[in-house]
Amino acid sequence: MTGAAQIDTRNGDPTLLVADDDDVFRSVLSRALRRRGYAVVSASDAASAFALAANDPPKFAVVDLKMPGASGLELVERLHALDAKTRIVVLTGYASIATAVEAMKLGAIGYLSKPATADEIATALERDRGNSSIELDGTPPSIERIEWEHIQRVLLEHDGNISATARALKMHRRTLQRKLAKRPVRR
């Protein structure tokens, strides 16, 4: 349902934009965040989300990385340009170091892998500082994870263009598409 938007405004509650193309996830997350005191505005793609934000810039935003049309990274950049005070958290089922770094450079304050709970998202939205006591993983990433990270970085460098990325990786386009269709490998 491209372009779908839902608005729930409450006087006094901080506005929160949820941009995610998964209708069920967006609906469930919106309800959960309303229960936590946010006035939720939601959209299923970046263009609709930005149109809503342009009318009334939200205090908070939760943005899915992969949506039809413009990517979540593009939406993060546009939301940050619209109002640098908007606190943006990026959600993705395709987490990579490259996209996390880019999201932060473009103005996001947090980056969470799906599935993330409403509590985790609310905590990320409200947190002002990083957590230096987070436990560090002492095991190196697997070869499959390193490959996934590299593909994501090259894809980002080529603005999401599959053909250009396949050429840069010296890989057949279909092979690259198969690799991208898989979920990222855990460390």
N, C-alpha and C. Protein backbone atom coordinates (compact mmCIF):
# COMPACT_ATOMS: atom_id res chain seq x y z
N MET A 1 0.85 -1.17 0.00
CA MET A 1 0.00 0.00 0.00
C MET A 1 0.89 1.23 0.00
N THR A 2 1.45 1.59 -1.11
CA THR A 2 2.38 2.70 -1.23
C THR A 2 1.66 4.02 -1.00
N GLY A 3 2.31 4.89 -0.24
CA GLY A 3 1.78 6.21 -0.01
C GLY A 3 0.79 6.28 1.13
N ALA A 4 0.50 5.17 1.80
CA ALA A 4 -0.47 5.18 2.88
C ALA A 4 0.06 6.01 4.03
N ALA A 5 -0.80 6.80 4.63
CA ALA A 5 -0.41 7.62 5.75
C ALA A 5 -1.52 7.61 6.79
N GLN A 6 -1.13 7.66 8.05
CA GLN A 6 -2.09 7.68 9.13
C GLN A 6 -1.64 8.74 10.11
N ILE A 7 -2.58 9.55 10.57
CA ILE A 7 -2.23 10.62 11.49
C ILE A 7 -3.04 10.47 12.77
N ASP A 8 -2.38 10.63 13.91
CA ASP A 8 -3.03 10.63 15.21
C ASP A 8 -2.38 11.76 15.99
N THR A 9 -3.04 12.88 16.09
CA THR A 9 -2.44 14.00 16.81
C THR A 9 -3.12 14.16 18.16
N ARG A 10 -2.31 14.30 19.20
CA ARG A 10 -2.80 14.56 20.55
C ARG A 10 -2.13 15.82 21.05
N ASN A 11 -2.90 16.66 21.65
CA ASN A 11 -2.33 17.90 22.19
C ASN A 11 -1.36 17.57 23.30
N GLY A 12 -0.18 18.12 23.21
CA GLY A 12 0.82 17.96 24.25
C GLY A 12 1.75 16.78 24.09
N ASP A 13 1.36 15.74 23.36
CA ASP A 13 2.23 14.59 23.18
C ASP A 13 3.26 14.89 22.10
N PRO A 14 4.50 14.42 22.27
CA PRO A 14 5.51 14.64 21.23
C PRO A 14 5.15 13.86 19.96
N THR A 15 5.31 14.50 18.81
CA THR A 15 4.99 13.83 17.55
C THR A 15 6.11 12.89 17.16
N LEU A 16 5.71 11.75 16.60
CA LEU A 16 6.65 10.74 16.18
C LEU A 16 6.21 10.23 14.81
N LEU A 17 7.11 10.26 13.85
CA LEU A 17 6.86 9.75 12.51
C LEU A 17 7.39 8.33 12.41
N VAL A 18 6.52 7.40 11.98
CA VAL A 18 6.93 6.03 11.73
C VAL A 18 6.85 5.81 10.22
N ALA A 19 7.98 5.51 9.58
CA ALA A 19 8.03 5.26 8.14
C ALA A 19 8.52 3.84 7.92
N ASP A 20 7.60 2.96 7.49
CA ASP A 20 7.94 1.55 7.26
C ASP A 20 6.95 0.99 6.25
N ASP A 21 7.44 0.24 5.27
CA ASP A 21 6.56 -0.29 4.22
C ASP A 21 5.81 -1.55 4.64
N ASP A 22 6.14 -2.13 5.78
CA ASP A 22 5.43 -3.31 6.28
C ASP A 22 4.20 -2.82 7.05
N ASP A 23 3.02 -2.98 6.44
CA ASP A 23 1.78 -2.44 7.02
C ASP A 23 1.52 -2.97 8.43
N VAL A 24 1.70 -4.26 8.63
CA VAL A 24 1.42 -4.85 9.94
C VAL A 24 2.40 -4.32 10.98
N PHE A 25 3.68 -4.35 10.67
CA PHE A 25 4.69 -3.87 11.61
C PHE A 25 4.46 -2.40 11.94
N ARG A 26 4.19 -1.58 10.91
CA ARG A 26 3.97 -0.15 11.11
C ARG A 26 2.77 0.08 12.03
N SER A 27 1.70 -0.66 11.81
CA SER A 27 0.50 -0.52 12.62
C SER A 27 0.73 -0.92 14.07
N VAL A 28 1.37 -2.06 14.27
CA VAL A 28 1.64 -2.55 15.63
C VAL A 28 2.59 -1.60 16.36
N LEU A 29 3.65 -1.17 15.68
CA LEU A 29 4.60 -0.25 16.30
C LEU A 29 3.94 1.08 16.62
N SER A 30 3.13 1.59 15.72
CA SER A 30 2.43 2.86 15.96
C SER A 30 1.55 2.77 17.20
N ARG A 31 0.79 1.68 17.32
CA ARG A 31 -0.07 1.49 18.49
C ARG A 31 0.76 1.43 19.78
N ALA A 32 1.84 0.67 19.74
CA ALA A 32 2.69 0.52 20.92
C ALA A 32 3.31 1.86 21.34
N LEU A 33 3.71 2.66 20.37
CA LEU A 33 4.32 3.95 20.68
C LEU A 33 3.27 4.96 21.15
N ARG A 34 2.04 4.86 20.65
CA ARG A 34 0.95 5.71 21.16
C ARG A 34 0.72 5.42 22.65
N ARG A 35 0.75 4.14 23.01
CA ARG A 35 0.57 3.76 24.42
C ARG A 35 1.69 4.32 25.29
N ARG A 36 2.82 4.61 24.70
CA ARG A 36 3.95 5.17 25.45
C ARG A 36 3.95 6.70 25.43
N GLY A 37 2.88 7.30 24.92
CA GLY A 37 2.73 8.75 25.02
C GLY A 37 3.14 9.57 23.81
N TYR A 38 3.32 8.95 22.66
CA TYR A 38 3.67 9.70 21.46
C TYR A 38 2.43 9.92 20.60
N ALA A 39 2.38 11.05 19.91
CA ALA A 39 1.36 11.30 18.90
C ALA A 39 1.97 10.82 17.58
N VAL A 40 1.48 9.70 17.07
CA VAL A 40 2.12 9.02 15.94
C VAL A 40 1.53 9.43 14.60
N VAL A 41 2.42 9.69 13.67
CA VAL A 41 2.10 9.92 12.27
C VAL A 41 2.82 8.82 11.52
N SER A 42 2.14 8.12 10.60
CA SER A 42 2.83 7.02 9.93
C SER A 42 2.65 7.06 8.43
N ALA A 43 3.64 6.49 7.74
CA ALA A 43 3.63 6.44 6.28
C ALA A 43 4.34 5.17 5.82
N SER A 44 3.97 4.72 4.61
CA SER A 44 4.54 3.47 4.10
C SER A 44 5.70 3.67 3.13
N ASP A 45 6.06 4.90 2.84
CA ASP A 45 7.21 5.15 1.97
C ASP A 45 7.82 6.49 2.31
N ALA A 46 9.02 6.72 1.81
CA ALA A 46 9.77 7.93 2.16
C ALA A 46 9.09 9.20 1.66
N ALA A 47 8.52 9.16 0.46
CA ALA A 47 7.88 10.36 -0.09
C ALA A 47 6.69 10.80 0.78
N SER A 48 5.85 9.85 1.16
CA SER A 48 4.69 10.17 2.01
C SER A 48 5.15 10.64 3.38
N ALA A 49 6.16 9.99 3.90
CA ALA A 49 6.68 10.37 5.22
C ALA A 49 7.22 11.79 5.20
N PHE A 50 7.96 12.14 4.16
CA PHE A 50 8.52 13.49 4.09
C PHE A 50 7.42 14.52 3.90
N ALA A 51 6.39 14.19 3.12
CA ALA A 51 5.26 15.12 2.94
C ALA A 51 4.59 15.42 4.28
N LEU A 52 4.42 14.39 5.10
CA LEU A 52 3.83 14.60 6.43
C LEU A 52 4.75 15.46 7.29
N ALA A 53 6.04 15.17 7.26
CA ALA A 53 7.01 15.91 8.07
C ALA A 53 7.14 17.36 7.62
N ALA A 54 7.02 17.60 6.32
CA ALA A 54 7.15 18.97 5.80
C ALA A 54 6.04 19.86 6.35
N ASN A 55 4.85 19.28 6.54
CA ASN A 55 3.72 20.05 7.08
C ASN A 55 3.90 20.35 8.56
N ASP A 56 4.46 19.41 9.30
CA ASP A 56 4.63 19.55 10.74
C ASP A 56 5.81 18.69 11.16
N PRO A 57 7.02 19.25 11.20
CA PRO A 57 8.20 18.44 11.53
C PRO A 57 8.04 17.73 12.87
N PRO A 58 8.25 16.40 12.88
CA PRO A 58 8.10 15.65 14.13
C PRO A 58 9.29 15.84 15.05
N LYS A 59 9.07 15.59 16.33
CA LYS A 59 10.17 15.63 17.30
C LYS A 59 11.00 14.36 17.17
N PHE A 60 10.33 13.24 16.83
CA PHE A 60 10.98 11.94 16.70
C PHE A 60 10.60 11.28 15.39
N ALA A 61 11.47 10.38 14.91
CA ALA A 61 11.15 9.60 13.71
C ALA A 61 11.79 8.22 13.82
N VAL A 62 11.03 7.22 13.37
CA VAL A 62 11.53 5.85 13.26
C VAL A 62 11.43 5.51 11.78
N VAL A 63 12.56 5.23 11.15
CA VAL A 63 12.63 5.08 9.69
C VAL A 63 13.18 3.71 9.32
N ASP A 64 12.42 2.98 8.50
CA ASP A 64 12.91 1.71 7.97
C ASP A 64 13.95 2.01 6.89
N LEU A 65 14.99 1.22 6.84
CA LEU A 65 16.06 1.45 5.87
C LEU A 65 15.62 1.14 4.45
N LYS A 66 14.92 0.00 4.26
CA LYS A 66 14.53 -0.43 2.92
C LYS A 66 13.04 -0.23 2.72
N MET A 67 12.70 0.71 1.85
CA MET A 67 11.31 0.96 1.48
C MET A 67 11.25 1.15 -0.03
N PRO A 68 10.07 0.98 -0.62
CA PRO A 68 9.98 1.24 -2.06
C PRO A 68 10.26 2.71 -2.35
N GLY A 69 10.84 2.97 -3.48
CA GLY A 69 11.18 4.35 -3.83
C GLY A 69 12.46 4.76 -3.12
N ALA A 70 12.46 5.96 -2.57
CA ALA A 70 13.63 6.48 -1.88
C ALA A 70 13.93 5.63 -0.65
N SER A 71 15.20 5.47 -0.34
CA SER A 71 15.61 4.65 0.81
C SER A 71 15.40 5.41 2.11
N GLY A 72 15.50 4.66 3.20
CA GLY A 72 15.43 5.27 4.51
C GLY A 72 16.56 6.25 4.75
N LEU A 73 17.73 5.98 4.16
CA LEU A 73 18.85 6.91 4.31
C LEU A 73 18.53 8.26 3.69
N GLU A 74 17.87 8.23 2.53
CA GLU A 74 17.48 9.49 1.90
C GLU A 74 16.48 10.24 2.77
N LEU A 75 15.55 9.49 3.37
CA LEU A 75 14.56 10.12 4.25
C LEU A 75 15.24 10.71 5.48
N VAL A 76 16.19 10.00 6.06
CA VAL A 76 16.93 10.52 7.21
C VAL A 76 17.59 11.85 6.84
N GLU A 77 18.24 11.88 5.70
CA GLU A 77 18.91 13.11 5.26
C GLU A 77 17.92 14.26 5.10
N ARG A 78 16.78 13.99 4.48
CA ARG A 78 15.78 15.04 4.25
C ARG A 78 15.13 15.50 5.55
N LEU A 79 14.84 14.57 6.46
CA LEU A 79 14.26 14.94 7.75
C LEU A 79 15.24 15.78 8.55
N HIS A 80 16.51 15.40 8.54
CA HIS A 80 17.53 16.16 9.26
C HIS A 80 17.69 17.56 8.68
N ALA A 81 17.62 17.67 7.35
CA ALA A 81 17.72 18.98 6.71
C ALA A 81 16.49 19.85 7.05
N LEU A 82 15.34 19.21 7.17
CA LEU A 82 14.10 19.92 7.51
C LEU A 82 14.15 20.47 8.92
N ASP A 83 14.61 19.64 9.86
CA ASP A 83 14.73 20.05 11.27
C ASP A 83 15.84 19.22 11.92
N ALA A 84 16.96 19.84 12.16
CA ALA A 84 18.12 19.13 12.71
C ALA A 84 17.87 18.62 14.12
N LYS A 85 16.82 19.09 14.79
CA LYS A 85 16.50 18.64 16.14
C LYS A 85 15.68 17.35 16.16
N THR A 86 15.17 16.92 15.01
CA THR A 86 14.40 15.68 14.96
C THR A 86 15.31 14.52 15.34
N ARG A 87 14.86 13.72 16.29
CA ARG A 87 15.63 12.57 16.78
C ARG A 87 15.19 11.35 15.98
N ILE A 88 16.09 10.83 15.14
CA ILE A 88 15.76 9.78 14.18
C ILE A 88 16.46 8.48 14.54
N VAL A 89 15.67 7.39 14.56
CA VAL A 89 16.22 6.05 14.74
C VAL A 89 15.92 5.26 13.48
N VAL A 90 16.93 4.60 12.94
CA VAL A 90 16.79 3.78 11.74
C VAL A 90 16.62 2.33 12.17
N LEU A 91 15.62 1.67 11.57
CA LEU A 91 15.37 0.25 11.80
C LEU A 91 15.66 -0.51 10.52
N THR A 92 16.23 -1.70 10.64
CA THR A 92 16.45 -2.48 9.44
C THR A 92 16.59 -3.97 9.74
N GLY A 93 16.13 -4.75 8.80
CA GLY A 93 16.35 -6.19 8.84
C GLY A 93 17.63 -6.54 8.10
N TYR A 94 18.29 -5.55 7.52
CA TYR A 94 19.49 -5.75 6.71
C TYR A 94 20.64 -4.91 7.28
N ALA A 95 20.90 -5.08 8.54
CA ALA A 95 21.91 -4.26 9.21
C ALA A 95 23.31 -4.50 8.65
N SER A 96 24.02 -3.40 8.49
CA SER A 96 25.43 -3.49 8.12
C SER A 96 26.14 -2.29 8.73
N ILE A 97 27.43 -2.44 8.90
CA ILE A 97 28.22 -1.35 9.47
C ILE A 97 28.16 -0.14 8.55
N ALA A 98 28.24 -0.35 7.25
CA ALA A 98 28.24 0.76 6.28
C ALA A 98 26.97 1.59 6.38
N THR A 99 25.81 0.93 6.43
CA THR A 99 24.56 1.69 6.49
C THR A 99 24.39 2.35 7.86
N ALA A 100 24.88 1.71 8.92
CA ALA A 100 24.80 2.32 10.25
C ALA A 100 25.62 3.61 10.29
N VAL A 101 26.82 3.55 9.78
CA VAL A 101 27.69 4.73 9.76
C VAL A 101 27.06 5.84 8.92
N GLU A 102 26.55 5.49 7.75
CA GLU A 102 25.93 6.50 6.88
C GLU A 102 24.69 7.11 7.54
N ALA A 103 23.88 6.29 8.19
CA ALA A 103 22.69 6.80 8.86
C ALA A 103 23.07 7.84 9.92
N MET A 104 24.12 7.54 10.67
CA MET A 104 24.57 8.47 11.70
C MET A 104 25.14 9.75 11.09
N LYS A 105 25.89 9.62 10.02
CA LYS A 105 26.44 10.80 9.34
C LYS A 105 25.34 11.69 8.80
N LEU A 106 24.23 11.06 8.37
CA LEU A 106 23.12 11.81 7.78
C LEU A 106 22.17 12.41 8.82
N GLY A 107 22.37 12.06 10.09
CA GLY A 107 21.57 12.71 11.13
C GLY A 107 20.81 11.78 12.07
N ALA A 108 20.89 10.48 11.89
CA ALA A 108 20.21 9.56 12.81
C ALA A 108 20.95 9.54 14.14
N ILE A 109 20.20 9.30 15.22
CA ILE A 109 20.83 9.21 16.54
C ILE A 109 20.93 7.76 17.00
N GLY A 110 20.26 6.85 16.24
CA GLY A 110 20.28 5.45 16.61
C GLY A 110 20.04 4.56 15.41
N TYR A 111 20.42 3.30 15.55
CA TYR A 111 20.32 2.33 14.46
C TYR A 111 20.07 0.98 15.11
N LEU A 112 18.89 0.40 14.86
CA LEU A 112 18.52 -0.87 15.48
C LEU A 112 18.20 -1.91 14.42
N SER A 113 18.57 -3.14 14.69
CA SER A 113 18.22 -4.26 13.82
C SER A 113 16.83 -4.77 14.19
N LYS A 114 16.06 -5.12 13.16
CA LYS A 114 14.77 -5.74 13.41
C LYS A 114 15.01 -7.19 13.78
N PRO A 115 14.23 -7.78 14.61
CA PRO A 115 13.07 -7.18 15.25
C PRO A 115 13.49 -6.40 16.49
N ALA A 116 13.05 -5.17 16.61
CA ALA A 116 13.30 -4.34 17.78
C ALA A 116 11.96 -4.10 18.47
N THR A 117 11.96 -4.11 19.78
CA THR A 117 10.72 -3.89 20.51
C THR A 117 10.42 -2.40 20.62
N ALA A 118 9.18 -2.09 20.93
CA ALA A 118 8.79 -0.68 21.12
C ALA A 118 9.59 -0.07 22.27
N ASP A 119 9.88 -0.85 23.30
CA ASP A 119 10.68 -0.33 24.42
C ASP A 119 12.10 0.00 23.97
N GLU A 120 12.70 -0.87 23.16
CA GLU A 120 14.05 -0.60 22.65
C GLU A 120 14.06 0.66 21.78
N ILE A 121 13.03 0.81 20.96
CA ILE A 121 12.94 1.98 20.08
C ILE A 121 12.75 3.24 20.91
N ALA A 122 11.84 3.21 21.88
CA ALA A 122 11.60 4.38 22.73
C ALA A 122 12.87 4.76 23.50
N THR A 123 13.59 3.77 23.99
CA THR A 123 14.84 4.03 24.70
C THR A 123 15.86 4.68 23.76
N ALA A 124 15.98 4.18 22.55
CA ALA A 124 16.91 4.74 21.57
C ALA A 124 16.53 6.18 21.21
N LEU A 125 15.24 6.45 21.09
CA LEU A 125 14.79 7.80 20.76
C LEU A 125 15.12 8.81 21.86
N GLU A 126 15.03 8.38 23.10
CA GLU A 126 15.20 9.28 24.24
C GLU A 126 16.64 9.37 24.74
N ARG A 127 17.48 8.42 24.34
CA ARG A 127 18.86 8.38 24.84
C ARG A 127 19.69 9.51 24.23
N ASP A 128 20.36 10.26 25.07
CA ASP A 128 21.16 11.40 24.61
C ASP A 128 22.63 11.04 24.37
N ARG A 129 23.07 9.96 24.99
CA ARG A 129 24.48 9.61 24.90
C ARG A 129 24.63 8.15 24.54
N GLY A 130 25.79 7.79 24.04
CA GLY A 130 26.10 6.40 23.77
C GLY A 130 26.33 5.63 25.06
N ASN A 131 26.43 4.33 24.95
CA ASN A 131 26.62 3.48 26.11
C ASN A 131 28.03 2.89 26.05
N SER A 132 28.94 3.45 26.83
CA SER A 132 30.33 2.99 26.81
C SER A 132 30.51 1.66 27.54
N SER A 133 29.51 1.23 28.30
CA SER A 133 29.64 -0.02 29.04
C SER A 133 29.08 -1.22 28.27
N ILE A 134 28.70 -1.00 27.02
CA ILE A 134 28.17 -2.10 26.22
C ILE A 134 29.25 -3.17 26.06
N GLU A 135 28.83 -4.41 26.17
CA GLU A 135 29.78 -5.51 26.09
C GLU A 135 30.29 -5.67 24.65
N LEU A 136 31.61 -5.77 24.52
CA LEU A 136 32.22 -5.93 23.21
C LEU A 136 32.34 -7.41 22.88
N ASP A 137 32.03 -7.75 21.63
CA ASP A 137 32.13 -9.13 21.18
C ASP A 137 33.58 -9.40 20.80
N GLY A 138 34.20 -10.37 21.46
CA GLY A 138 35.61 -10.66 21.23
C GLY A 138 35.87 -11.59 20.06
N THR A 139 34.80 -12.15 19.45
CA THR A 139 35.01 -13.06 18.32
C THR A 139 34.95 -12.30 17.01
N PRO A 140 35.83 -12.62 16.09
CA PRO A 140 35.80 -11.93 14.80
C PRO A 140 34.55 -12.35 14.00
N PRO A 141 34.10 -11.48 13.10
CA PRO A 141 32.93 -11.84 12.28
C PRO A 141 33.27 -12.98 11.33
N SER A 142 32.23 -13.71 10.93
CA SER A 142 32.42 -14.82 10.00
C SER A 142 32.74 -14.28 8.60
N ILE A 143 33.26 -15.14 7.76
CA ILE A 143 33.55 -14.77 6.37
C ILE A 143 32.26 -14.32 5.68
N GLU A 144 31.15 -15.02 5.95
CA GLU A 144 29.87 -14.67 5.35
C GLU A 144 29.43 -13.27 5.77
N ARG A 145 29.65 -12.93 7.05
CA ARG A 145 29.28 -11.61 7.55
C ARG A 145 30.17 -10.54 6.91
N ILE A 146 31.44 -10.81 6.78
CA ILE A 146 32.35 -9.85 6.14
C ILE A 146 31.93 -9.62 4.69
N GLU A 147 31.56 -10.70 4.00
CA GLU A 147 31.09 -10.57 2.62
C GLU A 147 29.84 -9.71 2.57
N TRP A 148 28.89 -9.95 3.48
CA TRP A 148 27.65 -9.18 3.54
C TRP A 148 27.95 -7.69 3.74
N GLU A 149 28.83 -7.39 4.70
CA GLU A 149 29.21 -6.00 4.99
C GLU A 149 29.83 -5.34 3.76
N HIS A 150 30.72 -6.07 3.08
CA HIS A 150 31.39 -5.52 1.90
C HIS A 150 30.37 -5.23 0.78
N ILE A 151 29.48 -6.17 0.54
CA ILE A 151 28.45 -5.96 -0.49
C ILE A 151 27.60 -4.74 -0.14
N GLN A 152 27.21 -4.60 1.12
CA GLN A 152 26.39 -3.45 1.53
C GLN A 152 27.13 -2.14 1.34
N ARG A 153 28.43 -2.13 1.65
CA ARG A 153 29.22 -0.91 1.48
C ARG A 153 29.32 -0.52 0.00
N VAL A 154 29.60 -1.50 -0.86
CA VAL A 154 29.71 -1.22 -2.30
C VAL A 154 28.35 -0.81 -2.87
N LEU A 155 27.28 -1.45 -2.41
CA LEU A 155 25.93 -1.08 -2.85
C LEU A 155 25.63 0.36 -2.46
N LEU A 156 26.01 0.75 -1.26
CA LEU A 156 25.81 2.12 -0.80
C LEU A 156 26.62 3.11 -1.64
N GLU A 157 27.85 2.73 -1.97
CA GLU A 157 28.70 3.59 -2.81
C GLU A 157 28.11 3.80 -4.20
N HIS A 158 27.29 2.85 -4.65
CA HIS A 158 26.68 2.95 -5.97
C HIS A 158 25.19 3.32 -5.88
N ASP A 159 24.83 3.98 -4.79
CA ASP A 159 23.47 4.51 -4.59
C ASP A 159 22.39 3.46 -4.79
N GLY A 160 22.65 2.23 -4.38
CA GLY A 160 21.65 1.16 -4.47
C GLY A 160 21.48 0.56 -5.85
N ASN A 161 22.31 0.95 -6.80
CA ASN A 161 22.21 0.44 -8.17
C ASN A 161 22.83 -0.96 -8.23
N ILE A 162 21.95 -1.96 -8.44
CA ILE A 162 22.38 -3.36 -8.43
C ILE A 162 23.37 -3.65 -9.56
N SER A 163 23.08 -3.16 -10.76
CA SER A 163 23.95 -3.44 -11.91
C SER A 163 25.34 -2.85 -11.70
N ALA A 164 25.41 -1.60 -11.25
CA ALA A 164 26.70 -0.96 -11.02
C ALA A 164 27.46 -1.66 -9.90
N THR A 165 26.74 -2.09 -8.87
CA THR A 165 27.37 -2.80 -7.76
C THR A 165 27.93 -4.14 -8.23
N ALA A 166 27.15 -4.87 -9.04
CA ALA A 166 27.60 -6.16 -9.56
C ALA A 166 28.87 -5.98 -10.40
N ARG A 167 28.90 -4.94 -11.24
CA ARG A 167 30.10 -4.68 -12.05
C ARG A 167 31.29 -4.37 -11.15
N ALA A 168 31.08 -3.55 -10.12
CA ALA A 168 32.18 -3.18 -9.22
C ALA A 168 32.71 -4.39 -8.46
N LEU A 169 31.82 -5.32 -8.14
CA LEU A 169 32.22 -6.52 -7.41
C LEU A 169 32.69 -7.64 -8.33
N LYS A 170 32.60 -7.37 -9.65
CA LYS A 170 32.94 -8.39 -10.66
C LYS A 170 32.15 -9.67 -10.40
N MET A 171 30.83 -9.46 -10.25
CA MET A 171 29.92 -10.53 -9.91
C MET A 171 28.73 -10.47 -10.87
N HIS A 172 28.18 -11.61 -11.20
CA HIS A 172 26.99 -11.63 -12.05
C HIS A 172 25.84 -10.97 -11.29
N ARG A 173 25.02 -10.20 -12.00
CA ARG A 173 23.92 -9.47 -11.38
C ARG A 173 22.97 -10.40 -10.62
N ARG A 174 22.65 -11.55 -11.21
CA ARG A 174 21.72 -12.48 -10.53
C ARG A 174 22.33 -13.05 -9.26
N THR A 175 23.62 -13.31 -9.27
CA THR A 175 24.29 -13.80 -8.06
C THR A 175 24.19 -12.76 -6.96
N LEU A 176 24.44 -11.51 -7.33
CA LEU A 176 24.33 -10.43 -6.35
C LEU A 176 22.90 -10.32 -5.83
N GLN A 177 21.91 -10.41 -6.70
CA GLN A 177 20.52 -10.33 -6.26
C GLN A 177 20.18 -11.46 -5.29
N ARG A 178 20.69 -12.65 -5.56
CA ARG A 178 20.45 -13.78 -4.65
C ARG A 178 21.07 -13.50 -3.28
N LYS A 179 22.28 -12.98 -3.28
CA LYS A 179 22.95 -12.68 -2.02
C LYS A 179 22.21 -11.58 -1.25
N LEU A 180 21.68 -10.59 -1.97
CA LEU A 180 20.96 -9.50 -1.31
C LEU A 180 19.59 -9.95 -0.80
N ALA A 181 19.01 -10.97 -1.40
CA ALA A 181 17.70 -11.46 -0.97
C ALA A 181 17.79 -12.21 0.36
N LYS A 182 18.98 -12.66 0.72
CA LYS A 182 19.17 -13.39 1.98
C LYS A 182 19.26 -12.40 3.13
N ARG A 183 18.90 -12.87 4.29
CA ARG A 183 19.06 -12.07 5.50
C ARG A 183 20.54 -11.97 5.83
N PRO A 184 20.95 -10.89 6.49
CA PRO A 184 22.37 -10.80 6.85
C PRO A 184 22.75 -11.92 7.80
N VAL A 185 23.95 -12.37 7.65
CA VAL A 185 24.48 -13.45 8.47
C VAL A 185 24.85 -12.87 9.83
N ARG A 186 24.48 -13.56 10.89
CA ARG A 186 24.90 -13.13 12.22
C ARG A 186 26.40 -13.32 12.35
N ARG A 187 26.99 -12.59 13.21
CA ARG A 187 28.44 -12.64 13.42
C ARG A 187 28.83 -14.04 13.70
